[in-house]
C-alpha atoms as a PDB file:
ATOM      1  CA  UNK A   1     -69.291-194.597-127.095  1.00  0.00           C
ATOM      2  CA  UNK A   2     -69.673-197.156-129.877  1.00  0.00           C
ATOM      3  CA  UNK A   3     -67.764-197.211-133.139  1.00  0.00           C
ATOM      4  CA  UNK A   4     -69.107-194.901-135.834  1.00  0.00           C
ATOM      5  CA  UNK A   5     -69.896-196.287-139.287  1.00  0.00           C
ATOM      6  CA  UNK A   6     -67.195-195.992-141.941  1.00  0.00           C
ATOM      7  CA  UNK A   7     -68.321-193.090-144.093  1.00  0.00           C
ATOM      8  CA  UNK A   8     -65.170-191.045-144.692  1.00  0.00           C
ATOM      9  CA  UNK A   9     -62.469-192.323-147.043  1.00  0.00           C
ATOM     10  CA  UNK A  10     -58.852-191.629-146.157  1.00  0.00           C
ATOM     11  CA  UNK A  11     -56.281-192.206-148.870  1.00  0.00           C
ATOM     12  CA  UNK A  12     -52.491-192.380-148.648  1.00  0.00           C
ATOM     13  CA  UNK A  13     -51.884-189.283-150.729  1.00  0.00           C
ATOM     14  CA  UNK A  14     -48.956-186.913-150.875  1.00  0.00           C
ATOM     15  CA  UNK A  15     -47.849-184.610-148.105  1.00  0.00           C
ATOM     16  CA  UNK A  16     -50.180-181.691-147.448  1.00  0.00           C
ATOM     17  CA  UNK A  17     -47.426-179.063-147.615  1.00  0.00           C
ATOM     18  CA  UNK A  18     -43.639-178.816-147.841  1.00  0.00           C
ATOM     19  CA  UNK A  19     -41.821-179.733-144.665  1.00  0.00           C
ATOM     20  CA  UNK A  20     -39.915-177.041-142.804  1.00  0.00           C
ATOM     21  CA  UNK A  21     -37.319-177.088-140.029  1.00  0.00           C
ATOM     22  CA  UNK A  22     -36.907-175.194-136.783  1.00  0.00           C
ATOM     23  CA  UNK A  23     -34.169-175.320-134.141  1.00  0.00           C
ATOM     24  CA  UNK A  24     -35.516-176.031-130.664  1.00  0.00           C
ATOM     25  CA  UNK A  25     -33.375-175.362-127.594  1.00  0.00           C
ATOM     26  CA  UNK A  26     -34.529-177.400-124.630  1.00  0.00           C
ATOM     27  CA  UNK A  27     -33.013-179.235-121.654  1.00  0.00           C
ATOM     28  CA  UNK A  28     -29.539-178.098-122.656  1.00  0.00           C
ATOM     29  CA  UNK A  29     -30.017-179.519-126.160  1.00  0.00           C
ATOM     30  CA  UNK A  30     -30.384-177.883-129.537  1.00  0.00           C
ATOM     31  CA  UNK A  31     -32.314-180.050-131.988  1.00  0.00           C
ATOM     32  CA  UNK A  32     -33.372-179.506-135.591  1.00  0.00           C
ATOM     33  CA  UNK A  33     -37.022-180.494-135.835  1.00  0.00           C
ATOM     34  CA  UNK A  34     -38.933-181.116-139.054  1.00  0.00           C
ATOM     35  CA  UNK A  35     -42.519-179.917-139.108  1.00  0.00           C
ATOM     36  CA  UNK A  36     -45.376-179.316-141.487  1.00  0.00           C
ATOM     37  CA  UNK A  37     -48.300-176.917-141.315  1.00  0.00           C
ATOM     38  CA  UNK A  38     -51.719-177.784-142.711  1.00  0.00           C
ATOM     39  CA  UNK A  39     -54.142-175.075-143.898  1.00  0.00           C
ATOM     40  CA  UNK A  40     -52.178-172.330-142.153  1.00  0.00           C
ATOM     41  CA  UNK A  41     -54.317-169.782-143.973  1.00  0.00           C
ATOM     42  CA  UNK A  42     -57.237-170.650-141.676  1.00  0.00           C
ATOM     43  CA  UNK A  43     -55.960-168.246-139.059  1.00  0.00           C
ATOM     44  CA  UNK A  44     -59.123-168.240-136.965  1.00  0.00           C
ATOM     45  CA  UNK A  45     -59.574-172.020-137.008  1.00  0.00           C
ATOM     46  CA  UNK A  46     -58.557-174.258-134.086  1.00  0.00           C
ATOM     47  CA  UNK A  47     -55.018-175.638-134.187  1.00  0.00           C
ATOM     48  CA  UNK A  48     -54.708-179.441-134.128  1.00  0.00           C
ATOM     49  CA  UNK A  49     -51.223-180.747-133.243  1.00  0.00           C
ATOM     50  CA  UNK A  50     -50.290-184.346-134.104  1.00  0.00           C
ATOM     51  CA  UNK A  51     -47.971-186.334-131.820  1.00  0.00           C
ATOM     52  CA  UNK A  52     -46.732-189.545-133.423  1.00  0.00           C
ATOM     53  CA  UNK A  53     -46.156-193.046-132.072  1.00  0.00           C
ATOM     54  CA  UNK A  54     -42.918-194.608-130.847  1.00  0.00           C
ATOM     55  CA  UNK A  55     -41.741-195.442-134.382  1.00  0.00           C
ATOM     56  CA  UNK A  56     -43.617-192.653-136.168  1.00  0.00           C
ATOM     57  CA  UNK A  57     -42.719-189.502-138.076  1.00  0.00           C
ATOM     58  CA  UNK A  58     -44.386-186.936-140.312  1.00  0.00           C
ATOM     59  CA  UNK A  59     -44.371-189.272-143.291  1.00  0.00           C
ATOM     60  CA  UNK A  60     -45.659-192.276-141.361  1.00  0.00           C
ATOM     61  CA  UNK A  61     -48.913-190.399-140.664  1.00  0.00           C
ATOM     62  CA  UNK A  62     -49.393-190.376-144.439  1.00  0.00           C
ATOM     63  CA  UNK A  63     -52.507-188.336-145.351  1.00  0.00           C
ATOM     64  CA  UNK A  64     -54.447-188.729-142.112  1.00  0.00           C
ATOM     65  CA  UNK A  65     -53.633-185.292-140.586  1.00  0.00           C
ATOM     66  CA  UNK A  66     -54.760-183.449-143.709  1.00  0.00           C
ATOM     67  CA  UNK A  67     -57.952-185.489-143.962  1.00  0.00           C
ATOM     68  CA  UNK A  68     -58.818-184.879-140.319  1.00  0.00           C
ATOM     69  CA  UNK A  69     -58.075-181.161-140.539  1.00  0.00           C
ATOM     70  CA  UNK A  70     -60.234-180.887-143.656  1.00  0.00           C
ATOM     71  CA  UNK A  71     -63.126-182.720-142.002  1.00  0.00           C
ATOM     72  CA  UNK A  72     -62.882-180.700-138.782  1.00  0.00           C
ATOM     73  CA  UNK A  73     -62.093-177.321-140.340  1.00  0.00           C
ATOM     74  CA  UNK A  74     -58.844-177.018-138.392  1.00  0.00           C
ATOM     75  CA  UNK A  75     -55.327-175.827-138.967  1.00  0.00           C
ATOM     76  CA  UNK A  76     -52.778-178.594-138.442  1.00  0.00           C
ATOM     77  CA  UNK A  77     -49.235-178.947-137.152  1.00  0.00           C
ATOM     78  CA  UNK A  78     -47.360-182.218-137.673  1.00  0.00           C
ATOM     79  CA  UNK A  79     -43.763-182.827-136.621  1.00  0.00           C
ATOM     80  CA  UNK A  80     -41.181-185.539-136.068  1.00  0.00           C
ATOM     81  CA  UNK A  81     -39.818-185.696-132.552  1.00  0.00           C
ATOM     82  CA  UNK A  82     -36.087-185.637-131.885  1.00  0.00           C
ATOM     83  CA  UNK A  83     -34.611-188.942-133.062  1.00  0.00           C
ATOM     84  CA  UNK A  84     -37.255-189.508-135.767  1.00  0.00           C
ATOM     85  CA  UNK A  85     -37.924-188.730-139.407  1.00  0.00           C
ATOM     86  CA  UNK A  86     -35.646-185.964-140.669  1.00  0.00           C
ATOM     87  CA  UNK A  87     -35.279-184.380-137.227  1.00  0.00           C
ATOM     88  CA  UNK A  88     -31.950-184.503-135.389  1.00  0.00           C
ATOM     89  CA  UNK A  89     -31.011-188.152-134.837  1.00  0.00           C
ATOM     90  CA  UNK A  90     -30.240-189.726-131.511  1.00  0.00           C
ATOM     91  CA  UNK A  91     -26.536-190.093-130.800  1.00  0.00           C
ATOM     92  CA  UNK A  92     -25.222-193.613-131.375  1.00  0.00           C
ATOM     93  CA  UNK A  93     -24.607-194.252-127.682  1.00  0.00           C
ATOM     94  CA  UNK A  94     -27.370-191.992-126.371  1.00  0.00           C
ATOM     95  CA  UNK A  95     -30.140-193.728-124.439  1.00  0.00           C
ATOM     96  CA  UNK A  96     -33.459-192.199-123.570  1.00  0.00           C
ATOM     97  CA  UNK A  97     -34.244-191.917-119.851  1.00  0.00           C
ATOM     98  CA  UNK A  98     -37.206-193.815-118.441  1.00  0.00           C
ATOM     99  CA  UNK A  99     -39.059-190.517-118.023  1.00  0.00           C
ATOM    100  CA  UNK A 100     -38.418-189.403-121.629  1.00  0.00           C
ATOM    101  CA  UNK A 101     -42.135-188.843-122.263  1.00  0.00           C
ATOM    102  CA  UNK A 102     -42.310-186.459-119.291  1.00  0.00           C
ATOM    103  CA  UNK A 103     -39.412-184.481-120.778  1.00  0.00           C
ATOM    104  CA  UNK A 104     -41.087-184.394-124.184  1.00  0.00           C
ATOM    105  CA  UNK A 105     -44.346-183.191-122.619  1.00  0.00           C
ATOM    106  CA  UNK A 106     -43.074-180.710-120.067  1.00  0.00           C
ATOM    107  CA  UNK A 107     -39.839-179.417-121.619  1.00  0.00           C
ATOM    108  CA  UNK A 108     -39.783-180.032-125.356  1.00  0.00           C
ATOM    109  CA  UNK A 109     -43.354-179.141-126.353  1.00  0.00           C
ATOM    110  CA  UNK A 110     -43.373-175.671-124.715  1.00  0.00           C
ATOM    111  CA  UNK A 111     -39.984-174.917-126.299  1.00  0.00           C
ATOM    112  CA  UNK A 112     -41.186-176.185-129.688  1.00  0.00           C
ATOM    113  CA  UNK A 113     -44.310-174.034-129.625  1.00  0.00           C
ATOM    114  CA  UNK A 114     -42.239-171.011-128.569  1.00  0.00           C
ATOM    115  CA  UNK A 115     -39.733-171.614-131.373  1.00  0.00           C
ATOM    116  CA  UNK A 116     -42.622-171.543-133.868  1.00  0.00           C
ATOM    117  CA  UNK A 117     -44.030-168.353-132.330  1.00  0.00           C
ATOM    118  CA  UNK A 118     -47.225-170.046-131.117  1.00  0.00           C
ATOM    119  CA  UNK A 119     -48.695-168.358-128.041  1.00  0.00           C
ATOM    120  CA  UNK A 120     -50.509-171.304-126.479  1.00  0.00           C
ATOM    121  CA  UNK A 121     -52.352-169.109-123.979  1.00  0.00           C
ATOM    122  CA  UNK A 122     -54.067-167.214-126.778  1.00  0.00           C
ATOM    123  CA  UNK A 123     -54.090-169.996-129.388  1.00  0.00           C
ATOM    124  CA  UNK A 124     -54.592-173.103-127.286  1.00  0.00           C
ATOM    125  CA  UNK A 125     -53.930-176.213-129.377  1.00  0.00           C
ATOM    126  CA  UNK A 126     -55.895-179.416-129.528  1.00  0.00           C
ATOM    127  CA  UNK A 127     -53.572-182.400-129.309  1.00  0.00           C
ATOM    128  CA  UNK A 128     -54.028-185.624-131.284  1.00  0.00           C
ATOM    129  CA  UNK A 129     -51.601-188.211-129.920  1.00  0.00           C
ATOM    130  CA  UNK A 130     -50.971-191.802-130.956  1.00  0.00           C
ATOM    131  CA  UNK A 131     -49.362-194.415-128.645  1.00  0.00           C
ATOM    132  CA  UNK A 132     -46.266-192.789-127.051  1.00  0.00           C
ATOM    133  CA  UNK A 133     -47.459-189.508-128.556  1.00  0.00           C
ATOM    134  CA  UNK A 134     -50.798-189.986-126.794  1.00  0.00           C
ATOM    135  CA  UNK A 135     -49.037-190.420-123.451  1.00  0.00           C
ATOM    136  CA  UNK A 136     -47.030-187.261-124.142  1.00  0.00           C
ATOM    137  CA  UNK A 137     -50.256-185.407-124.960  1.00  0.00           C
ATOM    138  CA  UNK A 138     -51.816-186.496-121.658  1.00  0.00           C
ATOM    139  CA  UNK A 139     -48.757-185.458-119.672  1.00  0.00           C
ATOM    140  CA  UNK A 140     -48.635-182.076-121.414  1.00  0.00           C
ATOM    141  CA  UNK A 141     -52.331-181.435-120.773  1.00  0.00           C
ATOM    142  CA  UNK A 142     -51.850-182.298-117.095  1.00  0.00           C
ATOM    143  CA  UNK A 143     -48.755-180.112-116.685  1.00  0.00           C
ATOM    144  CA  UNK A 144     -49.986-177.140-118.752  1.00  0.00           C
ATOM    145  CA  UNK A 145     -53.769-176.991-118.306  1.00  0.00           C
ATOM    146  CA  UNK A 146     -54.041-173.345-119.370  1.00  0.00           C
ATOM    147  CA  UNK A 147     -52.253-174.094-122.643  1.00  0.00           C
ATOM    148  CA  UNK A 148     -54.315-176.987-124.050  1.00  0.00           C
ATOM    149  CA  UNK A 149     -57.845-176.818-125.468  1.00  0.00           C
ATOM    150  CA  UNK A 150     -58.471-180.557-125.651  1.00  0.00           C
ATOM    151  CA  UNK A 151     -56.883-183.956-126.217  1.00  0.00           C
ATOM    152  CA  UNK A 152     -57.630-186.895-128.497  1.00  0.00           C
ATOM    153  CA  UNK A 153     -55.537-189.931-127.611  1.00  0.00           C
ATOM    154  CA  UNK A 154     -55.388-193.118-129.683  1.00  0.00           C
ATOM    155  CA  UNK A 155     -53.896-196.303-128.175  1.00  0.00           C
ATOM    156  CA  UNK A 156     -52.385-194.392-125.236  1.00  0.00           C
ATOM    157  CA  UNK A 157     -50.128-195.910-122.589  1.00  0.00           C
ATOM    158  CA  UNK A 158     -50.691-194.978-118.950  1.00  0.00           C
ATOM    159  CA  UNK A 159     -49.134-198.124-117.437  1.00  0.00           C
ATOM    160  CA  UNK A 160     -46.853-200.856-118.789  1.00  0.00           C
ATOM    161  CA  UNK A 161     -48.670-204.097-119.578  1.00  0.00           C
ATOM    162  CA  UNK A 162     -47.051-207.504-120.070  1.00  0.00           C
ATOM    163  CA  UNK A 163     -48.490-207.775-123.576  1.00  0.00           C
ATOM    164  CA  UNK A 164     -46.850-204.463-124.507  1.00  0.00           C
ATOM    165  CA  UNK A 165     -43.436-205.738-123.518  1.00  0.00           C
ATOM    166  CA  UNK A 166     -43.964-209.003-125.403  1.00  0.00           C
ATOM    167  CA  UNK A 167     -44.905-207.120-128.569  1.00  0.00           C
ATOM    168  CA  UNK A 168     -41.913-204.809-128.266  1.00  0.00           C
ATOM    169  CA  UNK A 169     -39.628-207.814-127.810  1.00  0.00           C
ATOM    170  CA  UNK A 170     -41.102-209.279-130.991  1.00  0.00           C
ATOM    171  CA  UNK A 171     -40.476-205.982-132.776  1.00  0.00           C
ATOM    172  CA  UNK A 172     -36.824-206.123-131.667  1.00  0.00           C
ATOM    173  CA  UNK A 173     -36.466-209.613-133.100  1.00  0.00           C
ATOM    174  CA  UNK A 174     -38.116-208.505-136.332  1.00  0.00           C
ATOM    175  CA  UNK A 175     -35.823-205.501-136.668  1.00  0.00           C
ATOM    176  CA  UNK A 176     -32.779-207.768-136.462  1.00  0.00           C
ATOM    177  CA  UNK A 177     -33.991-210.693-138.568  1.00  0.00           C
ATOM    178  CA  UNK A 178     -36.472-209.310-141.112  1.00  0.00           C
ATOM    179  CA  UNK A 179     -36.872-206.389-143.526  1.00  0.00           C
ATOM    180  CA  UNK A 180     -38.330-204.127-140.830  1.00  0.00           C
ATOM    181  CA  UNK A 181     -35.234-201.902-140.814  1.00  0.00           C
ATOM    182  CA  UNK A 182     -35.462-201.231-144.560  1.00  0.00           C
ATOM    183  CA  UNK A 183     -39.179-200.499-144.217  1.00  0.00           C
ATOM    184  CA  UNK A 184     -38.555-197.980-141.440  1.00  0.00           C
ATOM    185  CA  UNK A 185     -35.873-196.334-143.584  1.00  0.00           C
ATOM    186  CA  UNK A 186     -38.712-195.036-145.775  1.00  0.00           C
ATOM    187  CA  UNK A 187     -39.856-192.871-142.878  1.00  0.00           C
ATOM    188  CA  UNK A 188     -36.645-192.057-140.973  1.00  0.00           C
ATOM    189  CA  UNK A 189     -33.326-190.677-142.156  1.00  0.00           C
ATOM    190  CA  UNK A 190     -31.697-192.789-139.435  1.00  0.00           C
ATOM    191  CA  UNK A 191     -33.899-195.829-138.718  1.00  0.00           C
ATOM    192  CA  UNK A 192     -31.497-197.105-136.037  1.00  0.00           C
ATOM    193  CA  UNK A 193     -31.948-193.840-134.136  1.00  0.00           C
ATOM    194  CA  UNK A 194     -35.712-194.195-134.221  1.00  0.00           C
ATOM    195  CA  UNK A 195     -35.953-197.907-133.502  1.00  0.00           C
ATOM    196  CA  UNK A 196     -33.338-198.422-130.805  1.00  0.00           C
ATOM    197  CA  UNK A 197     -34.216-195.218-128.965  1.00  0.00           C
ATOM    198  CA  UNK A 198     -37.786-196.490-128.572  1.00  0.00           C
ATOM    199  CA  UNK A 199     -37.016-200.188-128.145  1.00  0.00           C
ATOM    200  CA  UNK A 200     -34.189-199.843-125.643  1.00  0.00           C
ATOM    201  CA  UNK A 201     -36.098-197.666-123.200  1.00  0.00           C
ATOM    202  CA  UNK A 202     -39.294-199.727-123.321  1.00  0.00           C
ATOM    203  CA  UNK A 203     -37.299-202.914-122.648  1.00  0.00           C
ATOM    204  CA  UNK A 204     -35.251-201.328-119.848  1.00  0.00           C
ATOM    205  CA  UNK A 205     -36.237-203.273-116.675  1.00  0.00           C
ATOM    206  CA  UNK A 206     -36.659-199.941-114.876  1.00  0.00           C
ATOM    207  CA  UNK A 207     -39.373-198.978-117.361  1.00  0.00           C
ATOM    208  CA  UNK A 208     -41.716-201.660-116.011  1.00  0.00           C
ATOM    209  CA  UNK A 209     -42.513-199.288-113.132  1.00  0.00           C
ATOM    210  CA  UNK A 210     -43.399-196.401-115.492  1.00  0.00           C
ATOM    211  CA  UNK A 211     -46.898-195.155-114.684  1.00  0.00           C
ATOM    212  CA  UNK A 212     -48.608-191.817-115.375  1.00  0.00           C
ATOM    213  CA  UNK A 213     -51.915-192.478-113.624  1.00  0.00           C
ATOM    214  CA  UNK A 214     -51.037-190.018-110.876  1.00  0.00           C
ATOM    215  CA  UNK A 215     -50.747-187.177-113.394  1.00  0.00           C
ATOM    216  CA  UNK A 216     -54.106-187.714-115.063  1.00  0.00           C
ATOM    217  CA  UNK A 217     -56.392-185.974-112.519  1.00  0.00           C
ATOM    218  CA  UNK A 218     -54.651-182.707-113.424  1.00  0.00           C
ATOM    219  CA  UNK A 219     -56.216-182.756-116.891  1.00  0.00           C
ATOM    220  CA  UNK A 220     -58.990-180.171-117.084  1.00  0.00           C
ATOM    221  CA  UNK A 221     -59.663-180.074-120.834  1.00  0.00           C
ATOM    222  CA  UNK A 222     -61.961-182.397-122.817  1.00  0.00           C
ATOM    223  CA  UNK A 223     -60.521-185.831-123.625  1.00  0.00           C
ATOM    224  CA  UNK A 224     -61.490-188.408-126.238  1.00  0.00           C
ATOM    225  CA  UNK A 225     -59.659-191.725-125.722  1.00  0.00           C
ATOM    226  CA  UNK A 226     -59.648-194.284-128.542  1.00  0.00           C
ATOM    227  CA  UNK A 227     -58.648-197.951-128.356  1.00  0.00           C
ATOM    228  CA  UNK A 228     -58.915-200.891-130.740  1.00  0.00           C
ATOM    229  CA  UNK A 229     -60.139-204.235-129.467  1.00  0.00           C
ATOM    230  CA  UNK A 230     -57.312-205.953-131.378  1.00  0.00           C
ATOM    231  CA  UNK A 231     -54.470-203.714-130.198  1.00  0.00           C
ATOM    232  CA  UNK A 232     -51.363-205.844-129.778  1.00  0.00           C
ATOM    233  CA  UNK A 233     -49.678-203.207-127.600  1.00  0.00           C
ATOM    234  CA  UNK A 234     -52.373-202.527-125.017  1.00  0.00           C
ATOM    235  CA  UNK A 235     -55.779-203.460-123.628  1.00  0.00           C
ATOM    236  CA  UNK A 236     -58.919-201.471-122.878  1.00  0.00           C
ATOM    237  CA  UNK A 237     -57.506-201.040-119.358  1.00  0.00           C
ATOM    238  CA  UNK A 238     -55.462-198.143-120.756  1.00  0.00           C
ATOM    239  CA  UNK A 239     -58.363-195.916-121.783  1.00  0.00           C
ATOM    240  CA  UNK A 240     -60.598-197.164-118.978  1.00  0.00           C
ATOM    241  CA  UNK A 241     -57.863-196.083-116.576  1.00  0.00           C
ATOM    242  CA  UNK A 242     -57.966-192.590-118.070  1.00  0.00           C
ATOM    243  CA  UNK A 243     -61.744-192.439-117.620  1.00  0.00           C
ATOM    244  CA  UNK A 244     -61.419-193.601-114.004  1.00  0.00           C
ATOM    245  CA  UNK A 245     -58.982-190.771-113.258  1.00  0.00           C
ATOM    246  CA  UNK A 246     -60.689-188.117-115.414  1.00  0.00           C
ATOM    247  CA  UNK A 247     -64.481-188.629-115.262  1.00  0.00           C
ATOM    248  CA  UNK A 248     -65.215-186.262-118.155  1.00  0.00           C
ATOM    249  CA  UNK A 249     -63.134-188.436-120.530  1.00  0.00           C
ATOM    250  CA  UNK A 250     -65.084-189.885-123.482  1.00  0.00           C
ATOM    251  CA  UNK A 251     -64.235-193.363-124.768  1.00  0.00           C
ATOM    252  CA  UNK A 252     -64.322-194.783-128.280  1.00  0.00           C
ATOM    253  CA  UNK A 253     -63.778-198.552-128.511  1.00  0.00           C
ATOM    254  CA  UNK A 254     -63.278-199.849-132.036  1.00  0.00           C
ATOM    255  CA  UNK A 255     -63.806-203.355-133.409  1.00  0.00           C
ATOM    256  CA  UNK A 256     -61.498-204.715-136.106  1.00  0.00           C
ATOM    257  CA  UNK A 257     -58.833-202.278-134.980  1.00  0.00           C
ATOM    258  CA  UNK A 258     -55.259-202.799-133.833  1.00  0.00           C
ATOM    259  CA  UNK A 259     -52.694-200.356-132.470  1.00  0.00           C
ATOM    260  CA  UNK A 260     -53.198-197.708-135.170  1.00  0.00           C
ATOM    261  CA  UNK A 261     -56.842-196.574-135.234  1.00  0.00           C
ATOM    262  CA  UNK A 262     -56.095-193.864-137.803  1.00  0.00           C
ATOM    263  CA  UNK A 263     -54.964-196.592-140.240  1.00  0.00           C
ATOM    264  CA  UNK A 264     -57.340-199.423-139.287  1.00  0.00           C
ATOM    265  CA  UNK A 265     -60.536-197.399-138.781  1.00  0.00           C
ATOM    266  CA  UNK A 266     -59.829-193.934-140.213  1.00  0.00           C
ATOM    267  CA  UNK A 267     -63.426-193.063-141.024  1.00  0.00           C
ATOM    268  CA  UNK A 268     -64.636-193.857-137.512  1.00  0.00           C
ATOM    269  CA  UNK A 269     -61.767-191.899-135.943  1.00  0.00           C
ATOM    270  CA  UNK A 270     -62.285-188.859-138.166  1.00  0.00           C
ATOM    271  CA  UNK A 271     -66.027-188.834-137.607  1.00  0.00           C
ATOM    272  CA  UNK A 272     -65.716-189.191-133.819  1.00  0.00           C
ATOM    273  CA  UNK A 273     -62.929-186.606-133.580  1.00  0.00           C
ATOM    274  CA  UNK A 274     -64.786-184.101-135.730  1.00  0.00           C
ATOM    275  CA  UNK A 275     -67.914-184.452-133.593  1.00  0.00           C
ATOM    276  CA  UNK A 276     -65.839-184.200-130.398  1.00  0.00           C
ATOM    277  CA  UNK A 277     -64.223-180.964-131.604  1.00  0.00           C
ATOM    278  CA  UNK A 278     -67.561-179.535-132.740  1.00  0.00           C
ATOM    279  CA  UNK A 279     -69.165-180.129-129.343  1.00  0.00           C
ATOM    280  CA  UNK A 280     -66.321-178.805-127.237  1.00  0.00           C
ATOM    281  CA  UNK A 281     -64.447-176.113-129.084  1.00  0.00           C
ATOM    282  CA  UNK A 282     -67.014-173.315-128.661  1.00  0.00           C
ATOM    283  CA  UNK A 283     -67.050-173.896-124.914  1.00  0.00           C
ATOM    284  CA  UNK A 284     -63.296-174.122-124.413  1.00  0.00           C
ATOM    285  CA  UNK A 285     -62.175-171.853-127.285  1.00  0.00           C
ATOM    286  CA  UNK A 286     -64.942-169.265-127.696  1.00  0.00           C
ATOM    287  CA  UNK A 287     -62.696-166.941-129.734  1.00  0.00           C
ATOM    288  CA  UNK A 288     -61.931-169.773-132.197  1.00  0.00           C
ATOM    289  CA  UNK A 289     -65.476-170.961-132.849  1.00  0.00           C
END
């Protein structure tokens, strides 16, 4: 699939709706999670759930979720994972395990949906994941095939590449020596929780063996995988690896695009995602068409 022309403008407007909080009990934890609903009044519309990147949060998405939901005619659900945004922070000495994305996908997400009263068998969500959030979306779709309608993944990780580690090392240096910490404080109540949770686990030597390729064949739902040619955190091998494991996966490769397609090429991403949802939702969600 080639990049679509830029025809949809995405601004950096205000939040779509007030943020709310829910307590999620999972894996022996009890975390306060911030979330935001978009166009909840569209009760019969498909539900699109946004899973943010390794340093993301509700506010870091800016206006993209609302713009995509408006273009696609969807309801939306945006949230900050544990350790991010205004959700419960990571403990000062708490380190994420190497398989933290598996726990987020297989343990946290089902508990989060249940806490919000979402029956994912009857109201199967579409997942839009970015970076780490994209990997979590893939793992959730593989583990819970009856509970996911489809997946859109932008700049996903399925293996650890050398360039990824180099970029994360550079981010660590920038956090210590530049204004990166103060910039992240705009999006996280505790920027140290967000940054070091992500940075420490990715730079753990044991994480070099992290690989989710073996889980991918379990994905039954439609997949759209998006990658920028200028992504500093991953190569086209990431989405091509998904397509090799899941033949029905559709690829979107974007020029002039780095690690955040929704910021670098928002119009192309919205147009491609909207078309992807239009083609697949009546087949996989006939009651939500």
